[in-house]
Amino acid sequence: MLVDYSDSGSGTDTQSESEAQNEKKRKAQDVDPVEVQSKRPPPPLPSTFHSLYATNVRTSAVDDPTLHAGRTRQVPHVVGNWPTHLYLEWYPAQDELAVLDKVIDHAGQTKNTGSRTCILAYSFLRSGLGALQPLHISLSAPLVLQSDQKEPFEKDTSTRIARSHVKPFAVHVTGLDWVSNHDKTRFFLVLKLGKPANNELNKLLSACNATAHQFEVSMLYAAASKQSVASASDVEEQDKARDRSAAFHISIAWTLEEPDEQARAQLADLDRTGLQRLQVRFSLLKLKIGNVVNDIPFIEHQVAGHG
């Protein structure tokens, strides 16, 4: 039998192809990095993008505090009930995060007889996996709606916000404080806020409280007597005369331990230079019903002569 030996030239051809491929790889690796870096960064995400992924999918209806550092659910899960919240949302930039990280670290440490003890403060800035999380200013208490109330509640809120004529605005940070929840089961490190130029926070709260009253759910920062007012319009008008500026805040950390006088005094020792430079801008209201977040934008008034 004849044996078919491979042609000696085929090995040379294969080697040439291999060398050509290696040459292409070397050229690809030798690309000037400046050319790659010169490409434009991707455009910023629209504000509505965050609303699409604002909540996690519920995997259990049972409240297990051991999974949440001892926290208990403020609004128990009931089939057919929809936890609801109205708020303004803030995603701090990197330089702002650096300031807030320093504040939380400082506030979680107190000096006692020469030694340093620590309050176990959990940051709101990042998730357990390190993902950045938004902060917020609440404009409603934790509410519960029925299924047939969801759409009317959103429509009523949108109408009242439009009627308030609030435009995009900025809020300045003025200081720090420790505040507790209603039951004093959790304590929050908060940023205190200055009153915005056109009293926007009070106007928004009046509109949100009027909607809450219309649907017979709790109002935020409202006196008990206000809950029995017959008309939602009356609530809105009476609320406009009240100044709740001192109540508005942004929570940045929380703890189960009640901060003592020493912990509160520690806040006064903090260098607030960077903190008081923080200015937060808002252009829309967030309405979260269940795991769905709706954006209610503020009205942009165009100046005459400008497009």
C-alpha atoms as a PDB file:
ATOM      1  CA  MET A   1       0.000   0.000   0.000  1.00  0.00           C
ATOM      2  CA  LEU A   2       1.104   3.471  -0.754  1.00  0.00           C
ATOM      3  CA  VAL A   3       1.478   5.798   2.187  1.00  0.00           C
ATOM      4  CA  ASP A   4       0.206   9.342   1.614  1.00  0.00           C
ATOM      5  CA  TYR A   5       2.800  11.595   3.214  1.00  0.00           C
ATOM      6  CA  SER A   6       1.857  15.202   3.760  1.00  0.00           C
ATOM      7  CA  ASP A   7       3.441  17.730   1.487  1.00  0.00           C
ATOM      8  CA  SER A   8       6.437  19.409   3.084  1.00  0.00           C
ATOM      9  CA  GLY A   9       5.241  22.772   1.856  1.00  0.00           C
ATOM     10  CA  SER A  10       1.946  22.594   3.802  1.00  0.00           C
ATOM     11  CA  GLY A  11       3.775  22.955   7.114  1.00  0.00           C
ATOM     12  CA  THR A  12       5.416  26.103   5.843  1.00  0.00           C
ATOM     13  CA  ASP A  13       2.068  27.514   4.766  1.00  0.00           C
ATOM     14  CA  THR A  14       0.538  26.766   8.172  1.00  0.00           C
ATOM     15  CA  GLN A  15       3.468  28.438   9.889  1.00  0.00           C
ATOM     16  CA  SER A  16       3.070  31.511   7.678  1.00  0.00           C
ATOM     17  CA  GLU A  17      -0.624  31.785   8.573  1.00  0.00           C
ATOM     18  CA  SER A  18       0.234  31.495  12.262  1.00  0.00           C
ATOM     19  CA  GLU A  19       2.849  34.239  11.978  1.00  0.00           C
ATOM     20  CA  ALA A  20       0.332  36.464  10.171  1.00  0.00           C
ATOM     21  CA  GLN A  21      -2.217  35.994  12.940  1.00  0.00           C
ATOM     22  CA  ASN A  22       0.391  36.797  15.586  1.00  0.00           C
ATOM     23  CA  GLU A  23       1.328  39.936  13.664  1.00  0.00           C
ATOM     24  CA  LYS A  24      -2.317  41.066  13.661  1.00  0.00           C
ATOM     25  CA  LYS A  25      -2.506  40.510  17.416  1.00  0.00           C
ATOM     26  CA  ARG A  26       0.654  42.562  17.984  1.00  0.00           C
ATOM     27  CA  LYS A  27      -0.753  45.413  15.898  1.00  0.00           C
ATOM     28  CA  ALA A  28      -4.016  45.322  17.870  1.00  0.00           C
ATOM     29  CA  GLN A  29      -2.083  45.492  21.131  1.00  0.00           C
ATOM     30  CA  ASP A  30       0.052  48.369  19.869  1.00  0.00           C
ATOM     31  CA  VAL A  31      -2.966  50.635  19.277  1.00  0.00           C
ATOM     32  CA  ASP A  32      -2.355  54.007  20.849  1.00  0.00           C
ATOM     33  CA  PRO A  33      -4.358  54.083  24.138  1.00  0.00           C
ATOM     34  CA  VAL A  34      -5.011  57.782  23.541  1.00  0.00           C
ATOM     35  CA  GLU A  35      -7.221  56.842  20.586  1.00  0.00           C
ATOM     36  CA  VAL A  36      -9.340  54.593  22.808  1.00  0.00           C
ATOM     37  CA  GLN A  37      -9.611  57.165  25.567  1.00  0.00           C
ATOM     38  CA  SER A  38     -10.567  59.869  23.092  1.00  0.00           C
ATOM     39  CA  LYS A  39     -13.898  58.205  22.418  1.00  0.00           C
ATOM     40  CA  ARG A  40     -16.819  60.115  23.880  1.00  0.00           C
ATOM     41  CA  PRO A  41     -18.337  58.692  27.084  1.00  0.00           C
ATOM     42  CA  PRO A  42     -21.839  57.242  26.782  1.00  0.00           C
ATOM     43  CA  PRO A  43     -24.678  59.733  27.308  1.00  0.00           C
ATOM     44  CA  PRO A  44     -26.100  59.982  30.856  1.00  0.00           C
ATOM     45  CA  LEU A  45     -29.017  57.757  31.744  1.00  0.00           C
ATOM     46  CA  PRO A  46     -32.445  59.434  31.740  1.00  0.00           C
ATOM     47  CA  SER A  47     -33.922  60.146  35.171  1.00  0.00           C
ATOM     48  CA  THR A  48     -36.695  57.628  34.503  1.00  0.00           C
ATOM     49  CA  PHE A  49     -34.148  54.776  34.200  1.00  0.00           C
ATOM     50  CA  HIS A  50     -33.609  54.623  37.969  1.00  0.00           C
ATOM     51  CA  SER A  51     -37.360  54.329  38.515  1.00  0.00           C
ATOM     52  CA  LEU A  52     -37.465  51.118  36.467  1.00  0.00           C
ATOM     53  CA  TYR A  53     -35.108  49.356  38.884  1.00  0.00           C
ATOM     54  CA  ALA A  54     -35.889  51.198  42.108  1.00  0.00           C
ATOM     55  CA  THR A  55     -37.182  48.190  44.047  1.00  0.00           C
ATOM     56  CA  ASN A  56     -36.285  44.546  44.474  1.00  0.00           C
ATOM     57  CA  VAL A  57     -38.637  41.724  43.606  1.00  0.00           C
ATOM     58  CA  ARG A  58     -40.416  40.540  46.746  1.00  0.00           C
ATOM     59  CA  THR A  59     -39.363  36.970  47.517  1.00  0.00           C
ATOM     60  CA  SER A  60     -41.268  36.531  50.788  1.00  0.00           C
ATOM     61  CA  ALA A  61     -44.269  38.015  52.558  1.00  0.00           C
ATOM     62  CA  VAL A  62     -42.853  37.070  55.976  1.00  0.00           C
ATOM     63  CA  ASP A  63     -40.971  39.762  57.899  1.00  0.00           C
ATOM     64  CA  ASP A  64     -37.621  38.387  59.125  1.00  0.00           C
ATOM     65  CA  PRO A  65     -35.628  41.087  61.010  1.00  0.00           C
ATOM     66  CA  THR A  66     -32.520  38.865  61.085  1.00  0.00           C
ATOM     67  CA  LEU A  67     -32.184  39.425  57.338  1.00  0.00           C
ATOM     68  CA  HIS A  68     -32.226  43.218  57.736  1.00  0.00           C
ATOM     69  CA  ALA A  69     -29.853  43.958  60.664  1.00  0.00           C
ATOM     70  CA  GLY A  70     -32.728  43.893  63.143  1.00  0.00           C
ATOM     71  CA  ARG A  71     -35.124  46.135  61.224  1.00  0.00           C
ATOM     72  CA  THR A  72     -38.838  45.346  61.126  1.00  0.00           C
ATOM     73  CA  ARG A  73     -41.185  46.201  58.278  1.00  0.00           C
ATOM     74  CA  GLN A  74     -43.006  49.450  59.012  1.00  0.00           C
ATOM     75  CA  VAL A  75     -45.924  48.532  56.759  1.00  0.00           C
ATOM     76  CA  PRO A  76     -46.703  44.776  57.023  1.00  0.00           C
ATOM     77  CA  HIS A  77     -47.285  43.014  53.718  1.00  0.00           C
ATOM     78  CA  VAL A  78     -50.952  42.155  53.099  1.00  0.00           C
ATOM     79  CA  VAL A  79     -52.244  40.767  49.803  1.00  0.00           C
ATOM     80  CA  GLY A  80     -54.295  43.491  48.069  1.00  0.00           C
ATOM     81  CA  ASN A  81     -52.590  46.336  49.946  1.00  0.00           C
ATOM     82  CA  TRP A  82     -50.085  48.573  48.171  1.00  0.00           C
ATOM     83  CA  PRO A  83     -47.402  50.350  50.262  1.00  0.00           C
ATOM     84  CA  THR A  84     -47.136  53.892  48.907  1.00  0.00           C
ATOM     85  CA  HIS A  85     -44.643  56.719  49.338  1.00  0.00           C
ATOM     86  CA  LEU A  86     -44.182  60.231  47.917  1.00  0.00           C
ATOM     87  CA  TYR A  87     -40.644  61.606  47.950  1.00  0.00           C
ATOM     88  CA  LEU A  88     -37.854  63.551  46.246  1.00  0.00           C
ATOM     89  CA  GLU A  89     -34.856  61.468  45.145  1.00  0.00           C
ATOM     90  CA  TRP A  90     -31.138  62.330  45.178  1.00  0.00           C
ATOM     91  CA  TYR A  91     -28.223  60.353  43.706  1.00  0.00           C
ATOM     92  CA  PRO A  92     -25.077  61.945  45.215  1.00  0.00           C
ATOM     93  CA  ALA A  93     -22.092  62.482  42.911  1.00  0.00           C
ATOM     94  CA  GLN A  94     -18.675  60.981  43.738  1.00  0.00           C
ATOM     95  CA  ASP A  95     -17.365  64.105  45.490  1.00  0.00           C
ATOM     96  CA  GLU A  96     -20.599  64.337  47.486  1.00  0.00           C
ATOM     97  CA  LEU A  97     -20.319  60.677  48.473  1.00  0.00           C
ATOM     98  CA  ALA A  98     -16.825  61.316  49.826  1.00  0.00           C
ATOM     99  CA  VAL A  99     -18.188  64.058  52.101  1.00  0.00           C
ATOM    100  CA  LEU A 100     -21.086  61.882  53.299  1.00  0.00           C
ATOM    101  CA  ASP A 101     -18.837  58.856  53.937  1.00  0.00           C
ATOM    102  CA  LYS A 102     -16.637  61.009  56.158  1.00  0.00           C
ATOM    103  CA  VAL A 103     -19.663  62.332  58.050  1.00  0.00           C
ATOM    104  CA  ILE A 104     -21.080  58.851  58.710  1.00  0.00           C
ATOM    105  CA  ASP A 105     -17.705  57.541  59.856  1.00  0.00           C
ATOM    106  CA  HIS A 106     -17.268  60.485  62.220  1.00  0.00           C
ATOM    107  CA  ALA A 107     -20.806  60.296  63.627  1.00  0.00           C
ATOM    108  CA  GLY A 108     -20.435  56.593  64.376  1.00  0.00           C
ATOM    109  CA  GLN A 109     -17.548  57.191  66.770  1.00  0.00           C
ATOM    110  CA  THR A 110     -17.710  58.715  70.267  1.00  0.00           C
ATOM    111  CA  LYS A 111     -14.967  59.247  72.835  1.00  0.00           C
ATOM    112  CA  ASN A 112     -15.497  57.872  76.325  1.00  0.00           C
ATOM    113  CA  THR A 113     -12.906  58.281  79.114  1.00  0.00           C
ATOM    114  CA  GLY A 114     -10.048  58.392  76.663  1.00  0.00           C
ATOM    115  CA  SER A 115     -11.071  55.288  74.717  1.00  0.00           C
ATOM    116  CA  ARG A 116     -13.067  55.243  71.534  1.00  0.00           C
ATOM    117  CA  THR A 117     -16.427  53.475  71.421  1.00  0.00           C
ATOM    118  CA  CYS A 118     -18.518  53.061  68.310  1.00  0.00           C
ATOM    119  CA  ILE A 119     -22.187  53.363  67.399  1.00  0.00           C
ATOM    120  CA  LEU A 120     -23.059  50.694  64.842  1.00  0.00           C
ATOM    121  CA  ALA A 121     -24.385  52.990  62.125  1.00  0.00           C
ATOM    122  CA  TYR A 122     -25.550  51.469  58.842  1.00  0.00           C
ATOM    123  CA  SER A 123     -25.068  53.678  55.785  1.00  0.00           C
ATOM    124  CA  PHE A 124     -27.895  54.366  53.327  1.00  0.00           C
ATOM    125  CA  LEU A 125     -25.354  55.280  50.635  1.00  0.00           C
ATOM    126  CA  ARG A 126     -24.667  51.743  49.421  1.00  0.00           C
ATOM    127  CA  SER A 127     -26.370  48.362  49.401  1.00  0.00           C
ATOM    128  CA  GLY A 128     -24.934  45.279  51.080  1.00  0.00           C
ATOM    129  CA  LEU A 129     -23.225  44.469  47.769  1.00  0.00           C
ATOM    130  CA  GLY A 130     -21.709  47.950  47.465  1.00  0.00           C
ATOM    131  CA  ALA A 131     -24.093  49.337  44.830  1.00  0.00           C
ATOM    132  CA  LEU A 132     -24.845  53.055  45.138  1.00  0.00           C
ATOM    133  CA  GLN A 133     -28.315  53.838  46.468  1.00  0.00           C
ATOM    134  CA  PRO A 134     -30.398  57.010  46.224  1.00  0.00           C
ATOM    135  CA  LEU A 135     -31.261  59.226  49.183  1.00  0.00           C
ATOM    136  CA  HIS A 136     -34.586  61.013  49.562  1.00  0.00           C
ATOM    137  CA  ILE A 137     -36.751  63.654  51.225  1.00  0.00           C
ATOM    138  CA  SER A 138     -40.087  62.192  52.322  1.00  0.00           C
ATOM    139  CA  LEU A 139     -43.240  64.072  51.351  1.00  0.00           C
ATOM    140  CA  SER A 140     -45.670  61.514  52.751  1.00  0.00           C
ATOM    141  CA  ALA A 141     -45.946  59.107  55.627  1.00  0.00           C
ATOM    142  CA  PRO A 142     -45.745  55.375  54.761  1.00  0.00           C
ATOM    143  CA  LEU A 143     -49.174  54.869  53.170  1.00  0.00           C
ATOM    144  CA  VAL A 144     -51.270  51.862  52.159  1.00  0.00           C
ATOM    145  CA  LEU A 145     -53.639  51.957  49.174  1.00  0.00           C
ATOM    146  CA  GLN A 146     -56.170  49.466  47.887  1.00  0.00           C
ATOM    147  CA  SER A 147     -55.901  48.228  44.305  1.00  0.00           C
ATOM    148  CA  ASP A 148     -58.745  50.419  43.053  1.00  0.00           C
ATOM    149  CA  GLN A 149     -57.134  53.528  44.579  1.00  0.00           C
ATOM    150  CA  LYS A 150     -53.791  53.324  42.770  1.00  0.00           C
ATOM    151  CA  GLU A 151     -54.697  55.106  39.542  1.00  0.00           C
ATOM    152  CA  PRO A 152     -56.949  57.790  41.131  1.00  0.00           C
ATOM    153  CA  PHE A 153     -54.246  58.515  43.738  1.00  0.00           C
ATOM    154  CA  GLU A 154     -51.616  59.060  41.055  1.00  0.00           C
ATOM    155  CA  LYS A 155     -53.948  61.268  39.016  1.00  0.00           C
ATOM    156  CA  ASP A 156     -54.944  63.391  42.024  1.00  0.00           C
ATOM    157  CA  THR A 157     -51.300  63.823  43.069  1.00  0.00           C
ATOM    158  CA  SER A 158     -50.227  64.848  39.544  1.00  0.00           C
ATOM    159  CA  THR A 159     -53.051  67.394  39.319  1.00  0.00           C
ATOM    160  CA  ARG A 160     -52.215  68.991  42.665  1.00  0.00           C
ATOM    161  CA  ILE A 161     -48.471  69.108  41.919  1.00  0.00           C
ATOM    162  CA  ALA A 162     -49.160  70.848  38.593  1.00  0.00           C
ATOM    163  CA  ARG A 163     -51.504  73.280  40.353  1.00  0.00           C
ATOM    164  CA  SER A 164     -48.797  74.134  42.899  1.00  0.00           C
ATOM    165  CA  HIS A 165     -46.657  75.663  40.080  1.00  0.00           C
ATOM    166  CA  VAL A 166     -43.469  74.332  41.638  1.00  0.00           C
ATOM    167  CA  LYS A 167     -40.492  74.551  39.269  1.00  0.00           C
ATOM    168  CA  PRO A 168     -37.174  72.648  39.567  1.00  0.00           C
ATOM    169  CA  PHE A 169     -35.367  73.930  42.654  1.00  0.00           C
ATOM    170  CA  ALA A 170     -32.325  73.463  44.891  1.00  0.00           C
ATOM    171  CA  VAL A 171     -31.968  72.782  48.621  1.00  0.00           C
ATOM    172  CA  HIS A 172     -28.871  73.512  50.710  1.00  0.00           C
ATOM    173  CA  VAL A 173     -27.628  71.316  53.551  1.00  0.00           C
ATOM    174  CA  THR A 174     -27.344  73.249  56.827  1.00  0.00           C
ATOM    175  CA  GLY A 175     -26.273  70.663  59.409  1.00  0.00           C
ATOM    176  CA  LEU A 176     -26.647  67.241  61.019  1.00  0.00           C
ATOM    177  CA  ASP A 177     -28.876  65.657  63.629  1.00  0.00           C
ATOM    178  CA  TRP A 178     -30.032  62.341  65.078  1.00  0.00           C
ATOM    179  CA  VAL A 179     -33.802  61.738  64.828  1.00  0.00           C
ATOM    180  CA  SER A 180     -35.955  58.718  65.684  1.00  0.00           C
ATOM    181  CA  ASN A 181     -38.895  57.064  64.009  1.00  0.00           C
ATOM    182  CA  HIS A 182     -42.351  57.282  65.588  1.00  0.00           C
ATOM    183  CA  ASP A 183     -41.856  54.152  67.717  1.00  0.00           C
ATOM    184  CA  LYS A 184     -38.242  54.990  68.636  1.00  0.00           C
ATOM    185  CA  THR A 185     -37.140  51.589  67.348  1.00  0.00           C
ATOM    186  CA  ARG A 186     -34.650  53.128  64.897  1.00  0.00           C
ATOM    187  CA  PHE A 187     -32.559  56.279  64.927  1.00  0.00           C
ATOM    188  CA  PHE A 188     -31.420  58.129  61.830  1.00  0.00           C
ATOM    189  CA  LEU A 189     -28.449  60.347  61.080  1.00  0.00           C
ATOM    190  CA  VAL A 190     -29.941  63.099  58.922  1.00  0.00           C
ATOM    191  CA  LEU A 191     -28.904  66.104  56.892  1.00  0.00           C
ATOM    192  CA  LYS A 192     -30.824  69.188  57.984  1.00  0.00           C
ATOM    193  CA  LEU A 193     -32.001  71.362  55.113  1.00  0.00           C
ATOM    194  CA  GLY A 194     -32.413  75.059  54.532  1.00  0.00           C
ATOM    195  CA  LYS A 195     -35.656  76.556  53.282  1.00  0.00           C
ATOM    196  CA  PRO A 196     -35.555  76.777  49.450  1.00  0.00           C
ATOM    197  CA  ALA A 197     -35.913  80.160  47.794  1.00  0.00           C
ATOM    198  CA  ASN A 198     -39.594  79.850  46.841  1.00  0.00           C
ATOM    199  CA  ASN A 199     -40.761  77.624  49.709  1.00  0.00           C
ATOM    200  CA  GLU A 200     -41.054  74.635  47.376  1.00  0.00           C
ATOM    201  CA  LEU A 201     -40.874  71.931  50.052  1.00  0.00           C
ATOM    202  CA  ASN A 202     -43.824  73.331  51.987  1.00  0.00           C
ATOM    203  CA  LYS A 203     -45.827  73.749  48.780  1.00  0.00           C
ATOM    204  CA  LEU A 204     -45.180  70.152  47.750  1.00  0.00           C
ATOM    205  CA  LEU A 205     -46.045  68.840  51.200  1.00  0.00           C
ATOM    206  CA  SER A 206     -49.336  70.756  51.197  1.00  0.00           C
ATOM    207  CA  ALA A 207     -50.278  69.189  47.848  1.00  0.00           C
ATOM    208  CA  CYS A 208     -49.253  65.672  48.981  1.00  0.00           C
ATOM    209  CA  ASN A 209     -51.113  66.019  52.296  1.00  0.00           C
ATOM    210  CA  ALA A 210     -54.253  67.144  50.466  1.00  0.00           C
ATOM    211  CA  THR A 211     -54.140  64.001  48.328  1.00  0.00           C
ATOM    212  CA  ALA A 212     -53.518  61.841  51.405  1.00  0.00           C
ATOM    213  CA  HIS A 213     -56.522  63.416  53.124  1.00  0.00           C
ATOM    214  CA  GLN A 214     -58.656  62.890  50.025  1.00  0.00           C
ATOM    215  CA  PHE A 215     -57.943  59.147  50.219  1.00  0.00           C
ATOM    216  CA  GLU A 216     -58.270  59.030  54.019  1.00  0.00           C
ATOM    217  CA  VAL A 217     -54.679  58.001  54.741  1.00  0.00           C
ATOM    218  CA  SER A 218     -52.170  59.579  57.128  1.00  0.00           C
ATOM    219  CA  MET A 219     -50.730  63.015  56.419  1.00  0.00           C
ATOM    220  CA  LEU A 220     -47.083  63.907  57.059  1.00  0.00           C
ATOM    221  CA  TYR A 221     -46.103  66.475  59.713  1.00  0.00           C
ATOM    222  CA  ALA A 222     -49.785  67.329  60.187  1.00  0.00           C
ATOM    223  CA  ALA A 223     -51.392  68.137  63.530  1.00  0.00           C
ATOM    224  CA  ALA A 224     -54.035  65.678  64.700  1.00  0.00           C
ATOM    225  CA  SER A 225     -56.785  68.268  64.269  1.00  0.00           C
ATOM    226  CA  LYS A 226     -55.944  68.589  60.567  1.00  0.00           C
ATOM    227  CA  GLN A 227     -56.900  64.956  59.976  1.00  0.00           C
ATOM    228  CA  SER A 228     -60.596  65.750  60.630  1.00  0.00           C
ATOM    229  CA  VAL A 229     -60.908  68.682  58.198  1.00  0.00           C
ATOM    230  CA  ALA A 230     -63.769  67.929  55.784  1.00  0.00           C
ATOM    231  CA  SER A 231     -62.250  69.176  52.535  1.00  0.00           C
ATOM    232  CA  ALA A 232     -58.913  68.263  50.961  1.00  0.00           C
ATOM    233  CA  SER A 233     -58.798  71.787  49.527  1.00  0.00           C
ATOM    234  CA  ASP A 234     -59.147  73.167  53.059  1.00  0.00           C
ATOM    235  CA  VAL A 235     -56.216  71.002  54.140  1.00  0.00           C
ATOM    236  CA  GLU A 236     -54.110  72.342  51.283  1.00  0.00           C
ATOM    237  CA  GLU A 237     -54.987  75.970  52.049  1.00  0.00           C
ATOM    238  CA  GLN A 238     -54.385  75.640  55.792  1.00  0.00           C
ATOM    239  CA  ASP A 239     -51.126  73.784  55.232  1.00  0.00           C
ATOM    240  CA  LYS A 240     -49.807  76.615  53.067  1.00  0.00           C
ATOM    241  CA  ALA A 241     -49.852  78.876  56.121  1.00  0.00           C
ATOM    242  CA  ARG A 242     -47.660  76.462  58.105  1.00  0.00           C
ATOM    243  CA  ASP A 243     -43.887  76.319  57.870  1.00  0.00           C
ATOM    244  CA  ARG A 244     -42.517  72.783  58.330  1.00  0.00           C
ATOM    245  CA  SER A 245     -39.052  73.660  56.999  1.00  0.00           C
ATOM    246  CA  ALA A 246     -37.366  72.387  60.161  1.00  0.00           C
ATOM    247  CA  ALA A 247     -38.947  68.934  59.687  1.00  0.00           C
ATOM    248  CA  PHE A 248     -37.576  68.189  56.208  1.00  0.00           C
ATOM    249  CA  HIS A 249     -34.400  66.108  56.146  1.00  0.00           C
ATOM    250  CA  ILE A 250     -32.366  63.513  54.248  1.00  0.00           C
ATOM    251  CA  SER A 251     -31.452  60.340  56.148  1.00  0.00           C
ATOM    252  CA  ILE A 252     -27.925  59.083  55.412  1.00  0.00           C
ATOM    253  CA  ALA A 253     -27.471  56.343  58.057  1.00  0.00           C
ATOM    254  CA  TRP A 254     -29.391  54.472  60.749  1.00  0.00           C
ATOM    255  CA  THR A 255     -28.831  52.548  63.989  1.00  0.00           C
ATOM    256  CA  LEU A 256     -30.875  50.548  66.496  1.00  0.00           C
ATOM    257  CA  GLU A 257     -29.026  52.202  69.404  1.00  0.00           C
ATOM    258  CA  GLU A 258     -30.308  55.497  70.763  1.00  0.00           C
ATOM    259  CA  PRO A 259     -27.484  58.057  70.441  1.00  0.00           C
ATOM    260  CA  ASP A 260     -26.628  59.584  73.828  1.00  0.00           C
ATOM    261  CA  GLU A 261     -25.602  63.182  74.551  1.00  0.00           C
ATOM    262  CA  GLN A 262     -21.993  62.336  73.792  1.00  0.00           C
ATOM    263  CA  ALA A 263     -22.914  60.985  70.367  1.00  0.00           C
ATOM    264  CA  ARG A 264     -24.938  64.100  69.615  1.00  0.00           C
ATOM    265  CA  ALA A 265     -22.115  66.351  70.799  1.00  0.00           C
ATOM    266  CA  GLN A 266     -19.813  64.513  68.406  1.00  0.00           C
ATOM    267  CA  LEU A 267     -21.778  65.982  65.502  1.00  0.00           C
ATOM    268  CA  ALA A 268     -20.953  69.505  66.696  1.00  0.00           C
ATOM    269  CA  ASP A 269     -17.217  68.722  66.541  1.00  0.00           C
ATOM    270  CA  LEU A 270     -17.385  67.769  62.875  1.00  0.00           C
ATOM    271  CA  ASP A 271     -15.823  70.060  60.285  1.00  0.00           C
ATOM    272  CA  ARG A 272     -18.906  71.075  58.308  1.00  0.00           C
ATOM    273  CA  THR A 273     -17.166  72.992  55.542  1.00  0.00           C
ATOM    274  CA  GLY A 274     -17.705  70.319  52.893  1.00  0.00           C
ATOM    275  CA  LEU A 275     -21.126  69.418  54.240  1.00  0.00           C
ATOM    276  CA  GLN A 276     -22.543  72.925  53.964  1.00  0.00           C
ATOM    277  CA  ARG A 277     -21.377  73.195  50.364  1.00  0.00           C
ATOM    278  CA  LEU A 278     -23.788  70.438  49.359  1.00  0.00           C
ATOM    279  CA  GLN A 279     -26.632  71.649  47.175  1.00  0.00           C
ATOM    280  CA  VAL A 280     -29.264  69.183  46.005  1.00  0.00           C
ATOM    281  CA  ARG A 281     -31.411  69.875  42.930  1.00  0.00           C
ATOM    282  CA  PHE A 282     -34.831  68.333  42.279  1.00  0.00           C
ATOM    283  CA  SER A 283     -36.854  68.394  39.053  1.00  0.00           C
ATOM    284  CA  LEU A 284     -39.577  65.836  39.777  1.00  0.00           C
ATOM    285  CA  LEU A 285     -41.571  64.080  42.485  1.00  0.00           C
ATOM    286  CA  LYS A 286     -41.465  60.299  42.878  1.00  0.00           C
ATOM    287  CA  LEU A 287     -44.595  58.284  43.627  1.00  0.00           C
ATOM    288  CA  LYS A 288     -43.899  54.679  44.570  1.00  0.00           C
ATOM    289  CA  ILE A 289     -46.871  52.301  44.715  1.00  0.00           C
ATOM    290  CA  GLY A 290     -45.857  48.723  45.464  1.00  0.00           C
ATOM    291  CA  ASN A 291     -42.795  48.049  43.314  1.00  0.00           C
ATOM    292  CA  VAL A 292     -43.702  50.591  40.616  1.00  0.00           C
ATOM    293  CA  VAL A 293     -42.262  54.119  40.676  1.00  0.00           C
ATOM    294  CA  ASN A 294     -43.940  56.957  38.756  1.00  0.00           C
ATOM    295  CA  ASP A 295     -42.220  60.262  37.957  1.00  0.00           C
ATOM    296  CA  ILE A 296     -44.243  63.467  38.319  1.00  0.00           C
ATOM    297  CA  PRO A 297     -42.115  66.266  36.780  1.00  0.00           C
ATOM    298  CA  PHE A 298     -42.279  69.856  37.915  1.00  0.00           C
ATOM    299  CA  ILE A 299     -43.369  72.496  35.400  1.00  0.00           C
ATOM    300  CA  GLU A 300     -40.562  74.152  33.438  1.00  0.00           C
ATOM    301  CA  HIS A 301     -41.544  77.737  32.657  1.00  0.00           C
ATOM    302  CA  GLN A 302     -39.774  78.957  29.544  1.00  0.00           C
ATOM    303  CA  VAL A 303     -38.406  82.476  29.543  1.00  0.00           C
ATOM    304  CA  ALA A 304     -39.745  84.705  26.766  1.00  0.00           C
ATOM    305  CA  GLY A 305     -37.364  84.801  23.783  1.00  0.00           C
ATOM    306  CA  HIS A 306     -35.761  81.440  24.630  1.00  0.00           C
ATOM    307  CA  GLY A 307     -36.585  78.068  23.140  1.00  0.00           C
END
